[in-house]
């Protein structure tokens, strides 16, 4: 099992910034990618950003140019720097890790952290 511990959520005014962190416990799994998803009330969970073990990144169109995902491999930690926040960014943000072990793909989730952007 992999444990993902998120931190950094909170309340911020529109135009402000927050940085989310997700620390993954050490494991025997080989990490394929780590990422952030979000889920707003009444909406489906959606991908915000992801980063592969090789450093390739992917962003939702709605956050391109405002959010930056990065990782510290030595600390098994992934970050999401969120700038120019908008009220529509309000959601619970979940850390996600995709792993491989003996050819099988696994997926792990954090408990979620609330981000609220006031107008």
PDB file of N, CA and C in Angstrom:
ATOM      1  N   UNK A   1       0.832  -1.193   0.000  1.00  0.00           N
ATOM      2  CA  UNK A   1       0.000   0.000   0.000  1.00  0.00           C
ATOM      3  C   UNK A   1       0.876   1.256   0.000  1.00  0.00           C
ATOM      4  N   UNK A   2       0.345   2.316  -0.561  1.00  0.00           N
ATOM      5  CA  UNK A   2       1.006   3.613  -0.572  1.00  0.00           C
ATOM      6  C   UNK A   2       0.107   4.607   0.154  1.00  0.00           C
ATOM      7  N   UNK A   3       0.682   5.367   1.042  1.00  0.00           N
ATOM      8  CA  UNK A   3      -0.082   6.415   1.727  1.00  0.00           C
ATOM      9  C   UNK A   3       0.308   7.762   1.150  1.00  0.00           C
ATOM     10  N   UNK A   4      -0.701   8.551   0.827  1.00  0.00           N
ATOM     11  CA  UNK A   4      -0.497   9.888   0.288  1.00  0.00           C
ATOM     12  C   UNK A   4      -1.057  10.892   1.284  1.00  0.00           C
ATOM     13  N   UNK A   5      -0.224  11.813   1.734  1.00  0.00           N
ATOM     14  CA  UNK A   5      -0.637  12.809   2.719  1.00  0.00           C
ATOM     15  C   UNK A   5      -0.563  14.187   2.080  1.00  0.00           C
ATOM     16  N   UNK A   6      -1.726  14.821   1.965  1.00  0.00           N
ATOM     17  CA  UNK A   6      -1.805  16.130   1.324  1.00  0.00           C
ATOM     18  C   UNK A   6      -1.802  17.240   2.368  1.00  0.00           C
ATOM     19  N   UNK A   7      -1.337  18.398   1.950  1.00  0.00           N
ATOM     20  CA  UNK A   7      -1.379  19.580   2.797  1.00  0.00           C
ATOM     21  C   UNK A   7      -1.374  20.818   1.917  1.00  0.00           C
ATOM     22  N   UNK A   8      -1.751  21.951   2.502  1.00  0.00           N
ATOM     23  CA  UNK A   8      -1.638  23.220   1.803  1.00  0.00           C
ATOM     24  C   UNK A   8      -2.935  23.838   1.341  1.00  0.00           C
ATOM     25  N   UNK A   9      -4.037  23.149   1.522  1.00  0.00           N
ATOM     26  CA  UNK A   9      -5.312  23.739   1.128  1.00  0.00           C
ATOM     27  C   UNK A   9      -5.712  24.860   2.074  1.00  0.00           C
ATOM     28  N   UNK A  10      -6.792  25.555   1.721  1.00  0.00           N
ATOM     29  CA  UNK A  10      -7.271  26.627   2.574  1.00  0.00           C
ATOM     30  C   UNK A  10      -8.172  27.585   1.838  1.00  0.00           C
ATOM     31  N   UNK A  11      -8.381  28.731   2.461  1.00  0.00           N
ATOM     32  CA  UNK A  11      -9.234  29.778   1.909  1.00  0.00           C
ATOM     33  C   UNK A  11      -8.366  30.919   1.404  1.00  0.00           C
ATOM     34  N   UNK A  12      -8.631  31.356   0.178  1.00  0.00           N
ATOM     35  CA  UNK A  12      -7.848  32.438  -0.407  1.00  0.00           C
ATOM     36  C   UNK A  12      -8.766  33.299  -1.260  1.00  0.00           C
ATOM     37  N   UNK A  13      -8.428  34.561  -1.399  1.00  0.00           N
ATOM     38  CA  UNK A  13      -9.216  35.453  -2.245  1.00  0.00           C
ATOM     39  C   UNK A  13      -8.864  35.223  -3.717  1.00  0.00           C
ATOM     40  N   UNK A  14      -9.793  35.557  -4.568  1.00  0.00           N
ATOM     41  CA  UNK A  14      -9.543  35.459  -6.003  1.00  0.00           C
ATOM     42  C   UNK A  14      -8.291  36.257  -6.374  1.00  0.00           C
ATOM     43  N   UNK A  15      -7.469  35.650  -7.221  1.00  0.00           N
ATOM     44  CA  UNK A  15      -6.212  36.267  -7.608  1.00  0.00           C
ATOM     45  C   UNK A  15      -5.039  35.846  -6.745  1.00  0.00           C
ATOM     46  N   UNK A  16      -5.332  35.174  -5.654  1.00  0.00           N
ATOM     47  CA  UNK A  16      -4.288  34.743  -4.746  1.00  0.00           C
ATOM     48  C   UNK A  16      -3.640  33.435  -5.165  1.00  0.00           C
ATOM     49  N   UNK A  17      -2.761  32.930  -4.299  1.00  0.00           N
ATOM     50  CA  UNK A  17      -1.992  31.720  -4.599  1.00  0.00           C
ATOM     51  C   UNK A  17      -2.026  30.755  -3.426  1.00  0.00           C
ATOM     52  N   UNK A  18      -1.895  29.493  -3.758  1.00  0.00           N
ATOM     53  CA  UNK A  18      -1.737  28.431  -2.764  1.00  0.00           C
ATOM     54  C   UNK A  18      -0.780  27.393  -3.344  1.00  0.00           C
ATOM     55  N   UNK A  19      -0.101  26.670  -2.457  1.00  0.00           N
ATOM     56  CA  UNK A  19       0.717  25.552  -2.904  1.00  0.00           C
ATOM     57  C   UNK A  19       0.301  24.304  -2.152  1.00  0.00           C
ATOM     58  N   UNK A  20      -0.085  23.304  -2.905  1.00  0.00           N
ATOM     59  CA  UNK A  20      -0.437  22.014  -2.330  1.00  0.00           C
ATOM     60  C   UNK A  20       0.767  21.081  -2.366  1.00  0.00           C
ATOM     61  N   UNK A  21       0.879  20.261  -1.325  1.00  0.00           N
ATOM     62  CA  UNK A  21       1.937  19.254  -1.264  1.00  0.00           C
ATOM     63  C   UNK A  21       1.325  17.887  -1.034  1.00  0.00           C
ATOM     64  N   UNK A  22       1.969  16.885  -1.586  1.00  0.00           N
ATOM     65  CA  UNK A  22       1.513  15.510  -1.394  1.00  0.00           C
ATOM     66  C   UNK A  22       2.749  14.644  -1.180  1.00  0.00           C
ATOM     67  N   UNK A  23       2.868  14.107   0.016  1.00  0.00           N
ATOM     68  CA  UNK A  23       4.004  13.250   0.337  1.00  0.00           C
ATOM     69  C   UNK A  23       3.559  11.799   0.286  1.00  0.00           C
ATOM     70  N   UNK A  24       4.301  11.007  -0.470  1.00  0.00           N
ATOM     71  CA  UNK A  24       3.977   9.584  -0.613  1.00  0.00           C
ATOM     72  C   UNK A  24       4.910   8.754   0.254  1.00  0.00           C
ATOM     73  N   UNK A  25       4.347   7.752   0.897  1.00  0.00           N
ATOM     74  CA  UNK A  25       5.168   6.858   1.709  1.00  0.00           C
ATOM     75  C   UNK A  25       6.046   6.015   0.792  1.00  0.00           C
ATOM     76  N   UNK A  26       7.189   5.610   1.331  1.00  0.00           N
ATOM     77  CA  UNK A  26       8.082   4.749   0.561  1.00  0.00           C
ATOM     78  C   UNK A  26       7.416   3.395   0.349  1.00  0.00           C
ATOM     79  N   UNK A  27       7.655   2.819  -0.825  1.00  0.00           N
ATOM     80  CA  UNK A  27       7.045   1.521  -1.085  1.00  0.00           C
ATOM     81  C   UNK A  27       7.873   0.779  -2.120  1.00  0.00           C
ATOM     82  N   UNK A  28       7.448  -0.453  -2.388  1.00  0.00           N
ATOM     83  CA  UNK A  28       8.123  -1.258  -3.400  1.00  0.00           C
ATOM     84  C   UNK A  28       7.537  -1.022  -4.786  1.00  0.00           C
ATOM     85  N   UNK A  29       6.511  -0.173  -4.850  1.00  0.00           N
ATOM     86  CA  UNK A  29       5.887   0.103  -6.134  1.00  0.00           C
ATOM     87  C   UNK A  29       6.772   1.019  -6.972  1.00  0.00           C
ATOM     88  N   UNK A  30       6.713   0.836  -8.273  1.00  0.00           N
ATOM     89  CA  UNK A  30       7.392   1.738  -9.198  1.00  0.00           C
ATOM     90  C   UNK A  30       6.394   2.809  -9.643  1.00  0.00           C
ATOM     91  N   UNK A  31       6.727   4.052  -9.367  1.00  0.00           N
ATOM     92  CA  UNK A  31       5.807   5.143  -9.667  1.00  0.00           C
ATOM     93  C   UNK A  31       5.804   5.432 -11.163  1.00  0.00           C
ATOM     94  N   UNK A  32       4.608   5.446 -11.746  1.00  0.00           N
ATOM     95  CA  UNK A  32       4.453   5.809 -13.145  1.00  0.00           C
ATOM     96  C   UNK A  32       4.208   7.314 -13.252  1.00  0.00           C
ATOM     97  N   UNK A  33       3.283   7.794 -12.445  1.00  0.00           N
ATOM     98  CA  UNK A  33       2.990   9.218 -12.457  1.00  0.00           C
ATOM     99  C   UNK A  33       2.325   9.604 -11.144  1.00  0.00           C
ATOM    100  N   UNK A  34       2.381  10.891 -10.845  1.00  0.00           N
ATOM    101  CA  UNK A  34       1.654  11.470  -9.721  1.00  0.00           C
ATOM    102  C   UNK A  34       0.879  12.656 -10.237  1.00  0.00           C
ATOM    103  N   UNK A  35      -0.222  12.937  -9.596  1.00  0.00           N
ATOM    104  CA  UNK A  35      -1.026  14.034 -10.104  1.00  0.00           C
ATOM    105  C   UNK A  35      -2.016  14.552  -9.088  1.00  0.00           C
ATOM    106  N   UNK A  36      -2.727  15.572  -9.520  1.00  0.00           N
ATOM    107  CA  UNK A  36      -3.769  16.203  -8.713  1.00  0.00           C
ATOM    108  C   UNK A  36      -5.082  16.187  -9.491  1.00  0.00           C
ATOM    109  N   UNK A  37      -6.123  15.773  -8.796  1.00  0.00           N
ATOM    110  CA  UNK A  37      -7.475  15.834  -9.309  1.00  0.00           C
ATOM    111  C   UNK A  37      -8.277  16.747  -8.388  1.00  0.00           C
ATOM    112  N   UNK A  38      -9.420  17.192  -8.869  1.00  0.00           N
ATOM    113  CA  UNK A  38     -10.301  17.983  -8.002  1.00  0.00           C
ATOM    114  C   UNK A  38     -11.752  17.621  -8.268  1.00  0.00           C
ATOM    115  N   UNK A  39     -12.543  17.841  -7.230  1.00  0.00           N
ATOM    116  CA  UNK A  39     -13.967  17.575  -7.341  1.00  0.00           C
ATOM    117  C   UNK A  39     -14.737  18.675  -6.646  1.00  0.00           C
ATOM    118  N   UNK A  40     -15.530  19.393  -7.423  1.00  0.00           N
ATOM    119  CA  UNK A  40     -16.387  20.447  -6.896  1.00  0.00           C
ATOM    120  C   UNK A  40     -17.754  19.841  -6.579  1.00  0.00           C
ATOM    121  N   UNK A  41     -18.512  20.471  -5.689  1.00  0.00           N
ATOM    122  CA  UNK A  41     -19.828  19.942  -5.331  1.00  0.00           C
ATOM    123  C   UNK A  41     -20.718  19.748  -6.561  1.00  0.00           C
ATOM    124  N   UNK A  42     -21.282  18.556  -6.689  1.00  0.00           N
ATOM    125  CA  UNK A  42     -22.180  18.263  -7.792  1.00  0.00           C
ATOM    126  C   UNK A  42     -21.499  17.978  -9.110  1.00  0.00           C
ATOM    127  N   UNK A  43     -20.175  17.928  -9.103  1.00  0.00           N
ATOM    128  CA  UNK A  43     -19.438  17.687 -10.350  1.00  0.00           C
ATOM    129  C   UNK A  43     -18.582  16.436 -10.224  1.00  0.00           C
ATOM    130  N   UNK A  44     -18.168  15.917 -11.379  1.00  0.00           N
ATOM    131  CA  UNK A  44     -17.298  14.755 -11.381  1.00  0.00           C
ATOM    132  C   UNK A  44     -15.870  15.150 -11.055  1.00  0.00           C
ATOM    133  N   UNK A  45     -15.124  14.194 -10.554  1.00  0.00           N
ATOM    134  CA  UNK A  45     -13.709  14.430 -10.295  1.00  0.00           C
ATOM    135  C   UNK A  45     -13.000  14.600 -11.629  1.00  0.00           C
ATOM    136  N   UNK A  46     -12.101  15.584 -11.705  1.00  0.00           N
ATOM    137  CA  UNK A  46     -11.400  15.865 -12.952  1.00  0.00           C
ATOM    138  C   UNK A  46      -9.910  16.011 -12.708  1.00  0.00           C
ATOM    139  N   UNK A  47      -9.148  15.673 -13.734  1.00  0.00           N
ATOM    140  CA  UNK A  47      -7.705  15.828 -13.668  1.00  0.00           C
ATOM    141  C   UNK A  47      -7.347  17.307 -13.707  1.00  0.00           C
ATOM    142  N   UNK A  48      -6.474  17.714 -12.809  1.00  0.00           N
ATOM    143  CA  UNK A  48      -5.952  19.081 -12.815  1.00  0.00           C
ATOM    144  C   UNK A  48      -4.578  19.099 -13.491  1.00  0.00           C
ATOM    145  N   UNK A  49      -3.681  18.244 -12.999  1.00  0.00           N
ATOM    146  CA  UNK A  49      -2.327  18.187 -13.542  1.00  0.00           C
ATOM    147  C   UNK A  49      -1.682  16.871 -13.133  1.00  0.00           C
ATOM    148  N   UNK A  50      -0.760  16.413 -13.955  1.00  0.00           N
ATOM    149  CA  UNK A  50      -0.029  15.197 -13.628  1.00  0.00           C
ATOM    150  C   UNK A  50       1.407  15.321 -14.099  1.00  0.00           C
ATOM    151  N   UNK A  51       2.272  14.513 -13.504  1.00  0.00           N
ATOM    152  CA  UNK A  51       3.682  14.510 -13.880  1.00  0.00           C
ATOM    153  C   UNK A  51       4.183  13.077 -13.821  1.00  0.00           C
ATOM    154  N   UNK A  52       4.867  12.654 -14.877  1.00  0.00           N
ATOM    155  CA  UNK A  52       5.368  11.286 -14.923  1.00  0.00           C
ATOM    156  C   UNK A  52       6.698  11.180 -14.191  1.00  0.00           C
ATOM    157  N   UNK A  53       7.149   9.960 -14.013  1.00  0.00           N
ATOM    158  CA  UNK A  53       8.439   9.752 -13.366  1.00  0.00           C
ATOM    159  C   UNK A  53       9.566  10.360 -14.189  1.00  0.00           C
ATOM    160  N   UNK A  54       9.337  10.521 -15.490  1.00  0.00           N
ATOM    161  CA  UNK A  54      10.342  11.138 -16.351  1.00  0.00           C
ATOM    162  C   UNK A  54      10.249  12.645 -16.405  1.00  0.00           C
ATOM    163  N   UNK A  55       9.222  13.205 -15.757  1.00  0.00           N
ATOM    164  CA  UNK A  55       9.106  14.654 -15.692  1.00  0.00           C
ATOM    165  C   UNK A  55       8.143  15.274 -16.687  1.00  0.00           C
ATOM    166  N   UNK A  56       7.490  14.470 -17.503  1.00  0.00           N
ATOM    167  CA  UNK A  56       6.514  15.018 -18.447  1.00  0.00           C
ATOM    168  C   UNK A  56       5.264  15.455 -17.694  1.00  0.00           C
ATOM    169  N   UNK A  57       4.739  16.603 -18.081  1.00  0.00           N
ATOM    170  CA  UNK A  57       3.578  17.156 -17.379  1.00  0.00           C
ATOM    171  C   UNK A  57       2.364  17.259 -18.300  1.00  0.00           C
ATOM    172  N   UNK A  58       1.214  17.259 -17.667  1.00  0.00           N
ATOM    173  CA  UNK A  58      -0.045  17.396 -18.384  1.00  0.00           C
ATOM    174  C   UNK A  58      -0.975  18.244 -17.528  1.00  0.00           C
ATOM    175  N   UNK A  59      -1.672  19.188 -18.167  1.00  0.00           N
ATOM    176  CA  UNK A  59      -2.547  20.098 -17.431  1.00  0.00           C
ATOM    177  C   UNK A  59      -3.935  20.152 -18.059  1.00  0.00           C
ATOM    178  N   UNK A  60      -4.927  20.356 -17.227  1.00  0.00           N
ATOM    179  CA  UNK A  60      -6.260  20.658 -17.733  1.00  0.00           C
ATOM    180  C   UNK A  60      -6.212  22.036 -18.389  1.00  0.00           C
ATOM    181  N   UNK A  61      -6.985  22.219 -19.454  1.00  0.00           N
ATOM    182  CA  UNK A  61      -6.975  23.493 -20.162  1.00  0.00           C
ATOM    183  C   UNK A  61      -7.331  24.649 -19.225  1.00  0.00           C
ATOM    184  N   UNK A  62      -8.194  24.395 -18.269  1.00  0.00           N
ATOM    185  CA  UNK A  62      -8.681  25.462 -17.395  1.00  0.00           C
ATOM    186  C   UNK A  62      -7.618  26.001 -16.444  1.00  0.00           C
ATOM    187  N   UNK A  63      -6.511  25.279 -16.284  1.00  0.00           N
ATOM    188  CA  UNK A  63      -5.480  25.726 -15.341  1.00  0.00           C
ATOM    189  C   UNK A  63      -4.150  26.038 -16.011  1.00  0.00           C
ATOM    190  N   UNK A  64      -4.054  25.792 -17.300  1.00  0.00           N
ATOM    191  CA  UNK A  64      -2.798  26.058 -18.011  1.00  0.00           C
ATOM    192  C   UNK A  64      -2.404  27.517 -17.868  1.00  0.00           C
ATOM    193  N   UNK A  65      -1.139  27.728 -17.563  1.00  0.00           N
ATOM    194  CA  UNK A  65      -0.628  29.085 -17.391  1.00  0.00           C
ATOM    195  C   UNK A  65      -0.806  29.634 -15.987  1.00  0.00           C
ATOM    196  N   UNK A  66      -1.598  28.938 -15.162  1.00  0.00           N
ATOM    197  CA  UNK A  66      -1.825  29.411 -13.790  1.00  0.00           C
ATOM    198  C   UNK A  66      -1.281  28.427 -12.754  1.00  0.00           C
ATOM    199  N   UNK A  67      -1.359  27.139 -13.049  1.00  0.00           N
ATOM    200  CA  UNK A  67      -0.911  26.104 -12.108  1.00  0.00           C
ATOM    201  C   UNK A  67       0.372  25.457 -12.630  1.00  0.00           C
ATOM    202  N   UNK A  68       1.224  25.057 -11.703  1.00  0.00           N
ATOM    203  CA  UNK A  68       2.446  24.348 -12.057  1.00  0.00           C
ATOM    204  C   UNK A  68       2.613  23.145 -11.149  1.00  0.00           C
ATOM    205  N   UNK A  69       2.802  21.979 -11.763  1.00  0.00           N
ATOM    206  CA  UNK A  69       3.051  20.764 -10.990  1.00  0.00           C
ATOM    207  C   UNK A  69       4.541  20.463 -11.022  1.00  0.00           C
ATOM    208  N   UNK A  70       5.063  20.006  -9.902  1.00  0.00           N
ATOM    209  CA  UNK A  70       6.474  19.648  -9.825  1.00  0.00           C
ATOM    210  C   UNK A  70       6.630  18.513  -8.822  1.00  0.00           C
ATOM    211  N   UNK A  71       7.796  17.899  -8.822  1.00  0.00           N
ATOM    212  CA  UNK A  71       8.015  16.798  -7.896  1.00  0.00           C
ATOM    213  C   UNK A  71       9.448  16.802  -7.396  1.00  0.00           C
ATOM    214  N   UNK A  72       9.606  16.294  -6.189  1.00  0.00           N
ATOM    215  CA  UNK A  72      10.913  16.090  -5.588  1.00  0.00           C
ATOM    216  C   UNK A  72      11.048  14.587  -5.401  1.00  0.00           C
ATOM    217  N   UNK A  73      11.779  13.945  -6.292  1.00  0.00           N
ATOM    218  CA  UNK A  73      11.874  12.485  -6.249  1.00  0.00           C
ATOM    219  C   UNK A  73      12.541  11.997  -4.974  1.00  0.00           C
ATOM    220  N   UNK A  74      13.486  12.759  -4.470  1.00  0.00           N
ATOM    221  CA  UNK A  74      14.191  12.339  -3.255  1.00  0.00           C
ATOM    222  C   UNK A  74      13.244  12.310  -2.060  1.00  0.00           C
ATOM    223  N   UNK A  75      12.249  13.182  -2.076  1.00  0.00           N
ATOM    224  CA  UNK A  75      11.304  13.255  -0.962  1.00  0.00           C
ATOM    225  C   UNK A  75       9.998  12.544  -1.275  1.00  0.00           C
ATOM    226  N   UNK A  76       9.883  11.972  -2.475  1.00  0.00           N
ATOM    227  CA  UNK A  76       8.630  11.325  -2.882  1.00  0.00           C
ATOM    228  C   UNK A  76       7.446  12.267  -2.709  1.00  0.00           C
ATOM    229  N   UNK A  77       7.639  13.510  -3.103  1.00  0.00           N
ATOM    230  CA  UNK A  77       6.631  14.539  -2.893  1.00  0.00           C
ATOM    231  C   UNK A  77       6.310  15.241  -4.208  1.00  0.00           C
ATOM    232  N   UNK A  78       5.024  15.507  -4.409  1.00  0.00           N
ATOM    233  CA  UNK A  78       4.593  16.258  -5.574  1.00  0.00           C
ATOM    234  C   UNK A  78       3.910  17.534  -5.093  1.00  0.00           C
ATOM    235  N   UNK A  79       4.110  18.601  -5.838  1.00  0.00           N
ATOM    236  CA  UNK A  79       3.583  19.910  -5.461  1.00  0.00           C
ATOM    237  C   UNK A  79       2.665  20.438  -6.566  1.00  0.00           C
ATOM    238  N   UNK A  80       1.733  21.272  -6.169  1.00  0.00           N
ATOM    239  CA  UNK A  80       0.902  21.990  -7.135  1.00  0.00           C
ATOM    240  C   UNK A  80       0.887  23.451  -6.725  1.00  0.00           C
ATOM    241  N   UNK A  81       1.591  24.269  -7.481  1.00  0.00           N
ATOM    242  CA  UNK A  81       1.591  25.710  -7.250  1.00  0.00           C
ATOM    243  C   UNK A  81       0.424  26.305  -8.017  1.00  0.00           C
ATOM    244  N   UNK A  82      -0.478  26.944  -7.311  1.00  0.00           N
ATOM    245  CA  UNK A  82      -1.690  27.493  -7.924  1.00  0.00           C
ATOM    246  C   UNK A  82      -1.668  29.011  -7.796  1.00  0.00           C
ATOM    247  N   UNK A  83      -1.584  29.692  -8.927  1.00  0.00           N
ATOM    248  CA  UNK A  83      -1.568  31.154  -8.963  1.00  0.00           C
ATOM    249  C   UNK A  83      -2.824  31.667  -9.665  1.00  0.00           C
ATOM    250  N   UNK A  84      -3.091  32.946  -9.476  1.00  0.00           N
ATOM    251  CA  UNK A  84      -4.247  33.587 -10.116  1.00  0.00           C
ATOM    252  C   UNK A  84      -5.511  32.758  -9.918  1.00  0.00           C
ATOM    253  N   UNK A  85      -5.744  32.371  -8.697  1.00  0.00           N
ATOM    254  CA  UNK A  85      -6.875  31.495  -8.397  1.00  0.00           C
ATOM    255  C   UNK A  85      -8.204  32.186  -8.667  1.00  0.00           C
ATOM    256  N   UNK A  86      -9.155  31.387  -9.119  1.00  0.00           N
ATOM    257  CA  UNK A  86     -10.491  31.878  -9.440  1.00  0.00           C
ATOM    258  C   UNK A  86     -11.526  31.146  -8.573  1.00  0.00           C
ATOM    259  N   UNK A  87     -12.676  31.751  -8.365  1.00  0.00           N
ATOM    260  CA  UNK A  87     -13.721  31.063  -7.583  1.00  0.00           C
ATOM    261  C   UNK A  87     -14.057  29.673  -8.142  1.00  0.00           C
ATOM    262  N   UNK A  88     -13.967  29.514  -9.442  1.00  0.00           N
ATOM    263  CA  UNK A  88     -14.285  28.215 -10.038  1.00  0.00           C
ATOM    264  C   UNK A  88     -13.224  27.156  -9.766  1.00  0.00           C
ATOM    265  N   UNK A  89     -12.112  27.543  -9.151  1.00  0.00           N
ATOM    266  CA  UNK A  89     -11.109  26.562  -8.725  1.00  0.00           C
ATOM    267  C   UNK A  89     -11.480  25.927  -7.386  1.00  0.00           C
ATOM    268  N   UNK A  90     -12.522  26.433  -6.752  1.00  0.00           N
ATOM    269  CA  UNK A  90     -12.956  25.887  -5.480  1.00  0.00           C
ATOM    270  C   UNK A  90     -13.359  24.427  -5.630  1.00  0.00           C
ATOM    271  N   UNK A  91     -12.747  23.575  -4.822  1.00  0.00           N
ATOM    272  CA  UNK A  91     -13.000  22.134  -4.908  1.00  0.00           C
ATOM    273  C   UNK A  91     -12.190  21.427  -3.828  1.00  0.00           C
ATOM    274  N   UNK A  92     -12.454  20.141  -3.675  1.00  0.00           N
ATOM    275  CA  UNK A  92     -11.562  19.290  -2.897  1.00  0.00           C
ATOM    276  C   UNK A  92     -10.515  18.744  -3.866  1.00  0.00           C
ATOM    277  N   UNK A  93      -9.274  18.925  -3.525  1.00  0.00           N
ATOM    278  CA  UNK A  93      -8.165  18.497  -4.374  1.00  0.00           C
ATOM    279  C   UNK A  93      -7.580  17.196  -3.816  1.00  0.00           C
ATOM    280  N   UNK A  94      -7.431  16.219  -4.712  1.00  0.00           N
ATOM    281  CA  UNK A  94      -6.947  14.893  -4.335  1.00  0.00           C
ATOM    282  C   UNK A  94      -5.629  14.592  -5.025  1.00  0.00           C
ATOM    283  N   UNK A  95      -4.710  14.070  -4.257  1.00  0.00           N
ATOM    284  CA  UNK A  95      -3.450  13.597  -4.809  1.00  0.00           C
ATOM    285  C   UNK A  95      -3.643  12.165  -5.324  1.00  0.00           C
ATOM    286  N   UNK A  96      -2.992  11.864  -6.418  1.00  0.00           N
ATOM    287  CA  UNK A  96      -3.135  10.558  -7.046  1.00  0.00           C
ATOM    288  C   UNK A  96      -1.768  10.020  -7.423  1.00  0.00           C
ATOM    289  N   UNK A  97      -1.583   8.719  -7.256  1.00  0.00           N
ATOM    290  CA  UNK A  97      -0.332   8.091  -7.661  1.00  0.00           C
ATOM    291  C   UNK A  97      -0.658   6.822  -8.437  1.00  0.00           C
ATOM    292  N   UNK A  98      -0.080   6.696  -9.628  1.00  0.00           N
ATOM    293  CA  UNK A  98      -0.197   5.482 -10.424  1.00  0.00           C
ATOM    294  C   UNK A  98       1.132   4.730 -10.355  1.00  0.00           C
ATOM    295  N   UNK A  99       1.033   3.445 -10.058  1.00  0.00           N
ATOM    296  CA  UNK A  99       2.238   2.642  -9.830  1.00  0.00           C
ATOM    297  C   UNK A  99       2.152   1.331 -10.595  1.00  0.00           C
ATOM    298  N   UNK A 100       3.312   0.727 -10.746  1.00  0.00           N
ATOM    299  CA  UNK A 100       3.388  -0.609 -11.316  1.00  0.00           C
ATOM    300  C   UNK A 100       4.104  -1.524 -10.335  1.00  0.00           C
ATOM    301  N   UNK A 101       3.628  -2.755 -10.248  1.00  0.00           N
ATOM    302  CA  UNK A 101       4.292  -3.765  -9.449  1.00  0.00           C
ATOM    303  C   UNK A 101       4.073  -5.109 -10.133  1.00  0.00           C
ATOM    304  N   UNK A 102       5.165  -5.731 -10.529  1.00  0.00           N
ATOM    305  CA  UNK A 102       5.092  -7.027 -11.214  1.00  0.00           C
ATOM    306  C   UNK A 102       4.151  -6.980 -12.412  1.00  0.00           C
ATOM    307  N   UNK A 103       4.204  -5.880 -13.144  1.00  0.00           N
ATOM    308  CA  UNK A 103       3.417  -5.750 -14.357  1.00  0.00           C
ATOM    309  C   UNK A 103       1.975  -5.337 -14.159  1.00  0.00           C
ATOM    310  N   UNK A 104       1.543  -5.192 -12.918  1.00  0.00           N
ATOM    311  CA  UNK A 104       0.165  -4.782 -12.642  1.00  0.00           C
ATOM    312  C   UNK A 104       0.130  -3.306 -12.266  1.00  0.00           C
ATOM    313  N   UNK A 105      -0.920  -2.640 -12.707  1.00  0.00           N
ATOM    314  CA  UNK A 105      -1.061  -1.205 -12.458  1.00  0.00           C
ATOM    315  C   UNK A 105      -1.922  -0.982 -11.213  1.00  0.00           C
ATOM    316  N   UNK A 106      -1.478  -0.101 -10.357  1.00  0.00           N
ATOM    317  CA  UNK A 106      -2.211   0.246  -9.142  1.00  0.00           C
ATOM    318  C   UNK A 106      -2.409   1.749  -9.106  1.00  0.00           C
ATOM    319  N   UNK A 107      -3.444   2.151  -8.375  1.00  0.00           N
ATOM    320  CA  UNK A 107      -3.746   3.569  -8.234  1.00  0.00           C
ATOM    321  C   UNK A 107      -4.075   3.852  -6.770  1.00  0.00           C
ATOM    322  N   UNK A 108      -3.488   4.925  -6.235  1.00  0.00           N
ATOM    323  CA  UNK A 108      -3.720   5.302  -4.851  1.00  0.00           C
ATOM    324  C   UNK A 108      -4.170   6.747  -4.781  1.00  0.00           C
ATOM    325  N   UNK A 109      -4.976   7.054  -3.748  1.00  0.00           N
ATOM    326  CA  UNK A 109      -5.519   8.393  -3.565  1.00  0.00           C
ATOM    327  C   UNK A 109      -5.260   8.914  -2.174  1.00  0.00           C
ATOM    328  N   UNK A 110      -5.069  10.228  -2.087  1.00  0.00           N
ATOM    329  CA  UNK A 110      -5.008  10.885  -0.804  1.00  0.00           C
ATOM    330  C   UNK A 110      -6.402  11.141  -0.276  1.00  0.00           C
ATOM    331  N   UNK A 111      -6.455  11.721   0.913  1.00  0.00           N
ATOM    332  CA  UNK A 111      -7.749  11.943   1.568  1.00  0.00           C
ATOM    333  C   UNK A 111      -8.443  13.213   1.071  1.00  0.00           C
ATOM    334  N   UNK A 112      -7.713  14.051   0.376  1.00  0.00           N
ATOM    335  CA  UNK A 112      -8.282  15.285  -0.154  1.00  0.00           C
ATOM    336  C   UNK A 112      -8.024  16.479   0.738  1.00  0.00           C
ATOM    337  N   UNK A 113      -7.875  17.631   0.113  1.00  0.00           N
ATOM    338  CA  UNK A 113      -7.694  18.877   0.851  1.00  0.00           C
ATOM    339  C   UNK A 113      -8.574  19.945   0.191  1.00  0.00           C
ATOM    340  N   UNK A 114      -9.282  20.706   1.016  1.00  0.00           N
ATOM    341  CA  UNK A 114     -10.239  21.680   0.504  1.00  0.00           C
ATOM    342  C   UNK A 114      -9.523  22.961   0.082  1.00  0.00           C
ATOM    343  N   UNK A 115      -9.855  23.427  -1.111  1.00  0.00           N
ATOM    344  CA  UNK A 115      -9.407  24.732  -1.591  1.00  0.00           C
ATOM    345  C   UNK A 115     -10.648  25.572  -1.858  1.00  0.00           C
ATOM    346  N   UNK A 116     -10.723  26.720  -1.210  1.00  0.00           N
ATOM    347  CA  UNK A 116     -11.863  27.613  -1.387  1.00  0.00           C
ATOM    348  C   UNK A 116     -11.350  28.978  -1.824  1.00  0.00           C
ATOM    349  N   UNK A 117     -11.869  29.460  -2.951  1.00  0.00           N
ATOM    350  CA  UNK A 117     -11.462  30.754  -3.492  1.00  0.00           C
ATOM    351  C   UNK A 117     -12.664  31.682  -3.423  1.00  0.00           C
ATOM    352  N   UNK A 118     -12.534  32.744  -2.671  1.00  0.00           N
ATOM    353  CA  UNK A 118     -13.631  33.698  -2.518  1.00  0.00           C
ATOM    354  C   UNK A 118     -13.535  34.794  -3.563  1.00  0.00           C
ATOM    355  N   UNK A 119     -14.683  35.274  -3.984  1.00  0.00           N
ATOM    356  CA  UNK A 119     -14.712  36.322  -5.017  1.00  0.00           C
ATOM    357  C   UNK A 119     -14.688  37.709  -4.410  1.00  0.00           C
TER     358      UNK A 119
END
